[in-house]
Amino acid sequence: GTRMRPLTDTLPKPLVSVGGKPLLDHVLDRLAEVG
């Protein structure tokens, strides 16, 4: 996640929040929605 610095100096990019939810959770929620 080098292009997301300085946010990724202390946080992995998948846990950066967008719209109040970490990116990783956006993805996992989409997967859950389709079973």
PDB file of all heavy atoms in Angstrom:
ATOM      1  N   GLY A   1       0.796  -1.231   0.000  1.00  0.00           N
ATOM      2  CA  GLY A   1       0.000   0.000   0.000  1.00  0.00           C
ATOM      3  C   GLY A   1       0.823   1.273   0.000  1.00  0.00           C
ATOM      4  O   GLY A   1       0.439   2.261   0.636  1.00  0.00           O
ATOM      5  N   THR A   2       1.930   1.278  -0.732  1.00  0.00           N
ATOM      6  CA  THR A   2       2.847   2.418  -0.670  1.00  0.00           C
ATOM      7  C   THR A   2       2.217   3.720  -1.173  1.00  0.00           C
ATOM      8  O   THR A   2       2.520   4.792  -0.647  1.00  0.00           O
ATOM      9  CB  THR A   2       4.122   2.122  -1.473  1.00  0.00           C
ATOM     10  OG1 THR A   2       3.764   1.709  -2.805  1.00  0.00           O
ATOM     11  CG2 THR A   2       4.920   1.002  -0.826  1.00  0.00           C
ATOM     12  N   ARG A   3       1.331   3.648  -2.160  1.00  0.00           N
ATOM     13  CA  ARG A   3       0.733   4.865  -2.707  1.00  0.00           C
ATOM     14  C   ARG A   3      -0.310   5.470  -1.761  1.00  0.00           C
ATOM     15  O   ARG A   3      -0.747   6.601  -1.970  1.00  0.00           O
ATOM     16  CB  ARG A   3       0.111   4.580  -4.075  1.00  0.00           C
ATOM     17  CG  ARG A   3       1.132   4.199  -5.131  1.00  0.00           C
ATOM     18  CD  ARG A   3       0.498   3.920  -6.489  1.00  0.00           C
ATOM     19  NE  ARG A   3      -0.166   5.110  -7.001  1.00  0.00           N
ATOM     20  CZ  ARG A   3      -1.457   5.166  -7.340  1.00  0.00           C
ATOM     21  NH1 ARG A   3      -2.235   4.112  -7.191  1.00  0.00           N
ATOM     22  NH2 ARG A   3      -1.982   6.277  -7.818  1.00  0.00           N
ATOM     23  N   MET A   4      -0.693   4.702  -0.743  1.00  0.00           N
ATOM     24  CA  MET A   4      -1.678   5.196   0.216  1.00  0.00           C
ATOM     25  C   MET A   4      -1.020   5.840   1.436  1.00  0.00           C
ATOM     26  O   MET A   4      -1.683   6.255   2.382  1.00  0.00           O
ATOM     27  CB  MET A   4      -2.598   4.045   0.645  1.00  0.00           C
ATOM     28  CG  MET A   4      -3.829   4.446   1.422  1.00  0.00           C
ATOM     29  SD  MET A   4      -4.983   5.542   0.560  1.00  0.00           S
ATOM     30  CE  MET A   4      -5.927   4.372  -0.405  1.00  0.00           C
ATOM     31  N   ARG A   5       0.295   5.969   1.429  1.00  0.00           N
ATOM     32  CA  ARG A   5       0.977   6.660   2.527  1.00  0.00           C
ATOM     33  C   ARG A   5       0.554   8.125   2.589  1.00  0.00           C
ATOM     34  O   ARG A   5       0.264   8.710   1.549  1.00  0.00           O
ATOM     35  CB  ARG A   5       2.499   6.562   2.339  1.00  0.00           C
ATOM     36  CG  ARG A   5       3.038   5.164   2.592  1.00  0.00           C
ATOM     37  CD  ARG A   5       4.514   5.082   2.284  1.00  0.00           C
ATOM     38  NE  ARG A   5       5.039   3.747   2.613  1.00  0.00           N
ATOM     39  CZ  ARG A   5       6.204   3.284   2.178  1.00  0.00           C
ATOM     40  NH1 ARG A   5       6.979   4.031   1.413  1.00  0.00           N
ATOM     41  NH2 ARG A   5       6.595   2.066   2.515  1.00  0.00           N
ATOM     42  N   PRO A   6       0.481   8.749   3.756  1.00  0.00           N
ATOM     43  CA  PRO A   6       0.962   8.268   5.060  1.00  0.00           C
ATOM     44  C   PRO A   6      -0.019   7.381   5.827  1.00  0.00           C
ATOM     45  O   PRO A   6       0.313   6.897   6.904  1.00  0.00           O
ATOM     46  CB  PRO A   6       1.199   9.567   5.822  1.00  0.00           C
ATOM     47  CG  PRO A   6       0.153  10.491   5.288  1.00  0.00           C
ATOM     48  CD  PRO A   6       0.041  10.165   3.815  1.00  0.00           C
ATOM     49  N   LEU A   7      -1.237   7.132   5.282  1.00  0.00           N
ATOM     50  CA  LEU A   7      -2.205   6.316   6.015  1.00  0.00           C
ATOM     51  C   LEU A   7      -1.657   4.923   6.297  1.00  0.00           C
ATOM     52  O   LEU A   7      -1.944   4.327   7.338  1.00  0.00           O
ATOM     53  CB  LEU A   7      -3.515   6.210   5.225  1.00  0.00           C
ATOM     54  CG  LEU A   7      -4.286   7.515   4.991  1.00  0.00           C
ATOM     55  CD1 LEU A   7      -5.529   7.247   4.171  1.00  0.00           C
ATOM     56  CD2 LEU A   7      -4.647   8.167   6.312  1.00  0.00           C
ATOM     57  N   THR A   8      -0.864   4.399   5.367  1.00  0.00           N
ATOM     58  CA  THR A   8      -0.354   3.036   5.521  1.00  0.00           C
ATOM     59  C   THR A   8       0.993   2.980   6.245  1.00  0.00           C
ATOM     60  O   THR A   8       1.638   1.934   6.258  1.00  0.00           O
ATOM     61  CB  THR A   8      -0.246   2.349   4.152  1.00  0.00           C
ATOM     62  OG1 THR A   8       0.470   3.201   3.242  1.00  0.00           O
ATOM     63  CG2 THR A   8      -1.620   2.068   3.585  1.00  0.00           C
ATOM     64  N   ASP A   9       1.399   4.088   6.845  1.00  0.00           N
ATOM     65  CA  ASP A   9       2.594   4.037   7.696  1.00  0.00           C
ATOM     66  C   ASP A   9       2.331   3.212   8.956  1.00  0.00           C
ATOM     67  O   ASP A   9       3.255   2.622   9.530  1.00  0.00           O
ATOM     68  CB  ASP A   9       3.038   5.454   8.099  1.00  0.00           C
ATOM     69  CG  ASP A   9       3.691   6.201   6.947  1.00  0.00           C
ATOM     70  OD1 ASP A   9       4.134   5.537   5.983  1.00  0.00           O
ATOM     71  OD2 ASP A   9       3.759   7.439   7.011  1.00  0.00           O
ATOM     72  N   THR A  10       1.094   3.171   9.374  1.00  0.00           N
ATOM     73  CA  THR A  10       0.748   2.448  10.616  1.00  0.00           C
ATOM     74  C   THR A  10      -0.437   1.503  10.432  1.00  0.00           C
ATOM     75  O   THR A  10      -0.867   0.858  11.389  1.00  0.00           O
ATOM     76  CB  THR A  10       0.395   3.439  11.732  1.00  0.00           C
ATOM     77  OG1 THR A  10      -0.684   4.288  11.293  1.00  0.00           O
ATOM     78  CG2 THR A  10       1.600   4.305  12.097  1.00  0.00           C
ATOM     79  N   LEU A  11      -0.950   1.409   9.203  1.00  0.00           N
ATOM     80  CA  LEU A  11      -2.178   0.654   8.953  1.00  0.00           C
ATOM     81  C   LEU A  11      -2.072  -0.046   7.603  1.00  0.00           C
ATOM     82  O   LEU A  11      -1.643   0.570   6.630  1.00  0.00           O
ATOM     83  CB  LEU A  11      -3.371   1.622   8.942  1.00  0.00           C
ATOM     84  CG  LEU A  11      -4.781   1.057   8.881  1.00  0.00           C
ATOM     85  CD1 LEU A  11      -5.165   0.451  10.233  1.00  0.00           C
ATOM     86  CD2 LEU A  11      -5.764   2.175   8.510  1.00  0.00           C
ATOM     87  N   PRO A  12      -2.461  -1.311   7.492  1.00  0.00           N
ATOM     88  CA  PRO A  12      -2.466  -1.950   6.172  1.00  0.00           C
ATOM     89  C   PRO A  12      -3.569  -1.345   5.309  1.00  0.00           C
ATOM     90  O   PRO A  12      -4.645  -1.001   5.819  1.00  0.00           O
ATOM     91  CB  PRO A  12      -2.733  -3.419   6.480  1.00  0.00           C
ATOM     92  CG  PRO A  12      -3.472  -3.405   7.777  1.00  0.00           C
ATOM     93  CD  PRO A  12      -2.933  -2.229   8.549  1.00  0.00           C
ATOM     94  N   LYS A  13      -3.320  -1.232   4.024  1.00  0.00           N
ATOM     95  CA  LYS A  13      -4.301  -0.601   3.144  1.00  0.00           C
ATOM     96  C   LYS A  13      -5.683  -1.243   3.220  1.00  0.00           C
ATOM     97  O   LYS A  13      -6.699  -0.529   3.182  1.00  0.00           O
ATOM     98  CB  LYS A  13      -3.798  -0.602   1.692  1.00  0.00           C
ATOM     99  CG  LYS A  13      -4.720   0.168   0.749  1.00  0.00           C
ATOM    100  CD  LYS A  13      -4.185   0.206  -0.665  1.00  0.00           C
ATOM    101  CE  LYS A  13      -5.127   0.953  -1.591  1.00  0.00           C
ATOM    102  NZ  LYS A  13      -4.663   0.955  -2.998  1.00  0.00           N
ATOM    103  N   PRO A  14      -5.811  -2.574   3.323  1.00  0.00           N
ATOM    104  CA  PRO A  14      -7.157  -3.161   3.392  1.00  0.00           C
ATOM    105  C   PRO A  14      -7.992  -2.678   4.579  1.00  0.00           C
ATOM    106  O   PRO A  14      -9.211  -2.808   4.565  1.00  0.00           O
ATOM    107  CB  PRO A  14      -6.876  -4.663   3.498  1.00  0.00           C
ATOM    108  CG  PRO A  14      -5.560  -4.852   2.820  1.00  0.00           C
ATOM    109  CD  PRO A  14      -4.780  -3.627   3.194  1.00  0.00           C
ATOM    110  N   LEU A  15      -7.333  -2.109   5.601  1.00  0.00           N
ATOM    111  CA  LEU A  15      -8.080  -1.610   6.755  1.00  0.00           C
ATOM    112  C   LEU A  15      -8.312  -0.105   6.714  1.00  0.00           C
ATOM    113  O   LEU A  15      -8.891   0.459   7.647  1.00  0.00           O
ATOM    114  CB  LEU A  15      -7.358  -1.992   8.053  1.00  0.00           C
ATOM    115  CG  LEU A  15      -7.244  -3.495   8.331  1.00  0.00           C
ATOM    116  CD1 LEU A  15      -6.687  -3.742   9.724  1.00  0.00           C
ATOM    117  CD2 LEU A  15      -8.584  -4.209   8.149  1.00  0.00           C
ATOM    118  N   VAL A  16      -7.879   0.554   5.637  1.00  0.00           N
ATOM    119  CA  VAL A  16      -8.202   1.964   5.459  1.00  0.00           C
ATOM    120  C   VAL A  16      -9.709   2.099   5.263  1.00  0.00           C
ATOM    121  O   VAL A  16     -10.325   1.356   4.500  1.00  0.00           O
ATOM    122  CB  VAL A  16      -7.443   2.547   4.248  1.00  0.00           C
ATOM    123  CG1 VAL A  16      -7.962   3.933   3.892  1.00  0.00           C
ATOM    124  CG2 VAL A  16      -5.945   2.594   4.540  1.00  0.00           C
ATOM    125  N   SER A  17     -10.302   3.046   5.965  1.00  0.00           N
ATOM    126  CA  SER A  17     -11.759   3.195   5.945  1.00  0.00           C
ATOM    127  C   SER A  17     -12.216   4.090   4.797  1.00  0.00           C
ATOM    128  O   SER A  17     -11.652   5.159   4.562  1.00  0.00           O
ATOM    129  CB  SER A  17     -12.235   3.778   7.279  1.00  0.00           C
ATOM    130  OG  SER A  17     -13.639   3.893   7.299  1.00  0.00           O
ATOM    131  N   VAL A  18     -13.253   3.648   4.116  1.00  0.00           N
ATOM    132  CA  VAL A  18     -13.923   4.432   3.079  1.00  0.00           C
ATOM    133  C   VAL A  18     -15.423   4.351   3.343  1.00  0.00           C
ATOM    134  O   VAL A  18     -15.987   3.257   3.425  1.00  0.00           O
ATOM    135  CB  VAL A  18     -13.605   3.899   1.660  1.00  0.00           C
ATOM    136  CG1 VAL A  18     -14.383   4.701   0.610  1.00  0.00           C
ATOM    137  CG2 VAL A  18     -12.117   3.968   1.379  1.00  0.00           C
ATOM    138  N   GLY A  19     -16.037   5.491   3.527  1.00  0.00           N
ATOM    139  CA  GLY A  19     -17.461   5.499   3.829  1.00  0.00           C
ATOM    140  C   GLY A  19     -17.786   4.845   5.155  1.00  0.00           C
ATOM    141  O   GLY A  19     -18.851   4.237   5.320  1.00  0.00           O
ATOM    142  N   GLY A  20     -16.869   4.944   6.118  1.00  0.00           N
ATOM    143  CA  GLY A  20     -17.119   4.407   7.444  1.00  0.00           C
ATOM    144  C   GLY A  20     -16.888   2.915   7.592  1.00  0.00           C
ATOM    145  O   GLY A  20     -17.212   2.335   8.634  1.00  0.00           O
ATOM    146  N   LYS A  21     -16.284   2.284   6.573  1.00  0.00           N
ATOM    147  CA  LYS A  21     -16.047   0.846   6.627  1.00  0.00           C
ATOM    148  C   LYS A  21     -14.690   0.534   5.995  1.00  0.00           C
ATOM    149  O   LYS A  21     -14.361   1.078   4.940  1.00  0.00           O
ATOM    150  CB  LYS A  21     -17.152   0.107   5.864  1.00  0.00           C
ATOM    151  CG  LYS A  21     -17.027  -1.415   5.878  1.00  0.00           C
ATOM    152  CD  LYS A  21     -17.977  -2.071   4.884  1.00  0.00           C
ATOM    153  CE  LYS A  21     -19.426  -1.829   5.224  1.00  0.00           C
ATOM    154  NZ  LYS A  21     -20.319  -2.647   4.328  1.00  0.00           N
ATOM    155  N   PRO A  22     -13.878  -0.328   6.608  1.00  0.00           N
ATOM    156  CA  PRO A  22     -12.600  -0.703   5.997  1.00  0.00           C
ATOM    157  C   PRO A  22     -12.801  -1.322   4.609  1.00  0.00           C
ATOM    158  O   PRO A  22     -13.789  -2.029   4.365  1.00  0.00           O
ATOM    159  CB  PRO A  22     -12.025  -1.731   6.974  1.00  0.00           C
ATOM    160  CG  PRO A  22     -12.642  -1.391   8.289  1.00  0.00           C
ATOM    161  CD  PRO A  22     -14.043  -0.926   7.949  1.00  0.00           C
ATOM    162  N   LEU A  23     -11.857  -1.049   3.714  1.00  0.00           N
ATOM    163  CA  LEU A  23     -11.936  -1.594   2.360  1.00  0.00           C
ATOM    164  C   LEU A  23     -12.145  -3.107   2.384  1.00  0.00           C
ATOM    165  O   LEU A  23     -12.940  -3.650   1.608  1.00  0.00           O
ATOM    166  CB  LEU A  23     -10.656  -1.253   1.592  1.00  0.00           C
ATOM    167  CG  LEU A  23     -10.506   0.201   1.147  1.00  0.00           C
ATOM    168  CD1 LEU A  23      -9.063   0.491   0.750  1.00  0.00           C
ATOM    169  CD2 LEU A  23     -11.447   0.501  -0.032  1.00  0.00           C
ATOM    170  N   LEU A  24     -11.433  -3.795   3.252  1.00  0.00           N
ATOM    171  CA  LEU A  24     -11.536  -5.249   3.328  1.00  0.00           C
ATOM    172  C   LEU A  24     -12.951  -5.701   3.655  1.00  0.00           C
ATOM    173  O   LEU A  24     -13.442  -6.716   3.115  1.00  0.00           O
ATOM    174  CB  LEU A  24     -10.548  -5.770   4.367  1.00  0.00           C
ATOM    175  CG  LEU A  24     -10.479  -7.286   4.593  1.00  0.00           C
ATOM    176  CD1 LEU A  24     -10.192  -8.030   3.300  1.00  0.00           C
ATOM    177  CD2 LEU A  24      -9.414  -7.612   5.640  1.00  0.00           C
ATOM    178  N   ASP A  25     -13.635  -4.971   4.515  1.00  0.00           N
ATOM    179  CA  ASP A  25     -15.004  -5.344   4.873  1.00  0.00           C
ATOM    180  C   ASP A  25     -15.974  -5.096   3.723  1.00  0.00           C
ATOM    181  O   ASP A  25     -16.949  -5.849   3.555  1.00  0.00           O
ATOM    182  CB  ASP A  25     -15.451  -4.590   6.117  1.00  0.00           C
ATOM    183  CG  ASP A  25     -14.796  -5.130   7.380  1.00  0.00           C
ATOM    184  OD1 ASP A  25     -14.310  -6.271   7.354  1.00  0.00           O
ATOM    185  OD2 ASP A  25     -14.750  -4.397   8.389  1.00  0.00           O
ATOM    186  N   HIS A  26     -15.727  -4.050   2.941  1.00  0.00           N
ATOM    187  CA  HIS A  26     -16.545  -3.851   1.741  1.00  0.00           C
ATOM    188  C   HIS A  26     -16.485  -5.100   0.872  1.00  0.00           C
ATOM    189  O   HIS A  26     -17.516  -5.595   0.387  1.00  0.00           O
ATOM    190  CB  HIS A  26     -16.032  -2.648   0.935  1.00  0.00           C
ATOM    191  CG  HIS A  26     -16.433  -1.307   1.471  1.00  0.00           C
ATOM    192  ND1 HIS A  26     -17.686  -0.771   1.290  1.00  0.00           N
ATOM    193  CD2 HIS A  26     -15.726  -0.378   2.179  1.00  0.00           C
ATOM    194  CE1 HIS A  26     -17.762   0.421   1.861  1.00  0.00           C
ATOM    195  NE2 HIS A  26     -16.571   0.690   2.399  1.00  0.00           N
ATOM    196  N   VAL A  27     -15.274  -5.622   0.648  1.00  0.00           N
ATOM    197  CA  VAL A  27     -15.076  -6.788  -0.217  1.00  0.00           C
ATOM    198  C   VAL A  27     -15.728  -8.027   0.384  1.00  0.00           C
ATOM    199  O   VAL A  27     -16.468  -8.763  -0.292  1.00  0.00           O
ATOM    200  CB  VAL A  27     -13.568  -7.023  -0.445  1.00  0.00           C
ATOM    201  CG1 VAL A  27     -13.320  -8.394  -1.064  1.00  0.00           C
ATOM    202  CG2 VAL A  27     -12.993  -5.927  -1.331  1.00  0.00           C
ATOM    203  N   LEU A  28     -15.470  -8.289   1.658  1.00  0.00           N
ATOM    204  CA  LEU A  28     -16.014  -9.495   2.294  1.00  0.00           C
ATOM    205  C   LEU A  28     -17.538  -9.453   2.364  1.00  0.00           C
ATOM    206  O   LEU A  28     -18.208 -10.489   2.229  1.00  0.00           O
ATOM    207  CB  LEU A  28     -15.408  -9.666   3.677  1.00  0.00           C
ATOM    208  CG  LEU A  28     -13.913 -10.022   3.677  1.00  0.00           C
ATOM    209  CD1 LEU A  28     -13.349  -9.928   5.094  1.00  0.00           C
ATOM    210  CD2 LEU A  28     -13.668 -11.408   3.094  1.00  0.00           C
ATOM    211  N   ASP A  29     -18.101  -8.281   2.559  1.00  0.00           N
ATOM    212  CA  ASP A  29     -19.559  -8.162   2.564  1.00  0.00           C
ATOM    213  C   ASP A  29     -20.140  -8.493   1.196  1.00  0.00           C
ATOM    214  O   ASP A  29     -21.198  -9.140   1.100  1.00  0.00           O
ATOM    215  CB  ASP A  29     -19.972  -6.751   2.983  1.00  0.00           C
ATOM    216  CG  ASP A  29     -19.760  -6.481   4.467  1.00  0.00           C
ATOM    217  OD1 ASP A  29     -19.489  -7.436   5.215  1.00  0.00           O
ATOM    218  OD2 ASP A  29     -19.850  -5.298   4.868  1.00  0.00           O
ATOM    219  N   ARG A  30     -19.467  -8.063   0.129  1.00  0.00           N
ATOM    220  CA  ARG A  30     -19.935  -8.397  -1.221  1.00  0.00           C
ATOM    221  C   ARG A  30     -19.921  -9.912  -1.430  1.00  0.00           C
ATOM    222  O   ARG A  30     -20.849 -10.486  -2.007  1.00  0.00           O
ATOM    223  CB  ARG A  30     -19.040  -7.741  -2.270  1.00  0.00           C
ATOM    224  CG  ARG A  30     -19.154  -6.229  -2.350  1.00  0.00           C
ATOM    225  CD  ARG A  30     -20.375  -5.818  -3.115  1.00  0.00           C
ATOM    226  NE  ARG A  30     -20.403  -4.392  -3.339  1.00  0.00           N
ATOM    227  CZ  ARG A  30     -21.461  -3.621  -3.173  1.00  0.00           C
ATOM    228  NH1 ARG A  30     -22.585  -4.148  -2.746  1.00  0.00           N
ATOM    229  NH2 ARG A  30     -21.427  -2.331  -3.422  1.00  0.00           N
ATOM    230  N   LEU A  31     -18.862 -10.568  -0.964  1.00  0.00           N
ATOM    231  CA  LEU A  31     -18.770 -12.017  -1.106  1.00  0.00           C
ATOM    232  C   LEU A  31     -19.867 -12.710  -0.302  1.00  0.00           C
ATOM    233  O   LEU A  31     -20.502 -13.667  -0.784  1.00  0.00           O
ATOM    234  CB  LEU A  31     -17.393 -12.493  -0.657  1.00  0.00           C
ATOM    235  CG  LEU A  31     -16.225 -12.080  -1.563  1.00  0.00           C
ATOM    236  CD1 LEU A  31     -14.888 -12.368  -0.884  1.00  0.00           C
ATOM    237  CD2 LEU A  31     -16.296 -12.800  -2.907  1.00  0.00           C
ATOM    238  N   ALA A  32     -20.117 -12.233   0.905  1.00  0.00           N
ATOM    239  CA  ALA A  32     -21.168 -12.824   1.731  1.00  0.00           C
ATOM    240  C   ALA A  32     -22.539 -12.682   1.076  1.00  0.00           C
ATOM    241  O   ALA A  32     -23.376 -13.595   1.143  1.00  0.00           O
ATOM    242  CB  ALA A  32     -21.171 -12.184   3.117  1.00  0.00           C
ATOM    243  N   GLU A  33     -22.763 -11.552   0.431  1.00  0.00           N
ATOM    244  CA  GLU A  33     -24.064 -11.281  -0.192  1.00  0.00           C
ATOM    245  C   GLU A  33     -24.413 -12.285  -1.283  1.00  0.00           C
ATOM    246  O   GLU A  33     -25.592 -12.543  -1.531  1.00  0.00           O
ATOM    247  CB  GLU A  33     -24.081  -9.862  -0.766  1.00  0.00           C
ATOM    248  CG  GLU A  33     -24.174  -8.766   0.280  1.00  0.00           C
ATOM    249  CD  GLU A  33     -23.855  -7.386  -0.289  1.00  0.00           C
ATOM    250  OE1 GLU A  33     -23.685  -7.276  -1.528  1.00  0.00           O
ATOM    251  OE2 GLU A  33     -23.763  -6.428   0.496  1.00  0.00           O
ATOM    252  N   VAL A  34     -23.400 -12.849  -1.948  1.00  0.00           N
ATOM    253  CA  VAL A  34     -23.677 -13.818  -3.023  1.00  0.00           C
ATOM    254  C   VAL A  34     -23.492 -15.257  -2.548  1.00  0.00           C
ATOM    255  O   VAL A  34     -23.444 -16.181  -3.355  1.00  0.00           O
ATOM    256  CB  VAL A  34     -22.831 -13.538  -4.282  1.00  0.00           C
ATOM    257  CG1 VAL A  34     -23.201 -12.195  -4.891  1.00  0.00           C
ATOM    258  CG2 VAL A  34     -21.344 -13.622  -3.987  1.00  0.00           C
ATOM    259  N   GLY A  35     -23.370 -15.457  -1.229  1.00  0.00           N
ATOM    260  CA  GLY A  35     -23.364 -16.797  -0.695  1.00  0.00           C
ATOM    261  C   GLY A  35     -22.015 -17.466  -0.538  1.00  0.00           C
ATOM    262  O   GLY A  35     -21.955 -18.673  -0.285  1.00  0.00           O
TER     263      GLY A  35
END
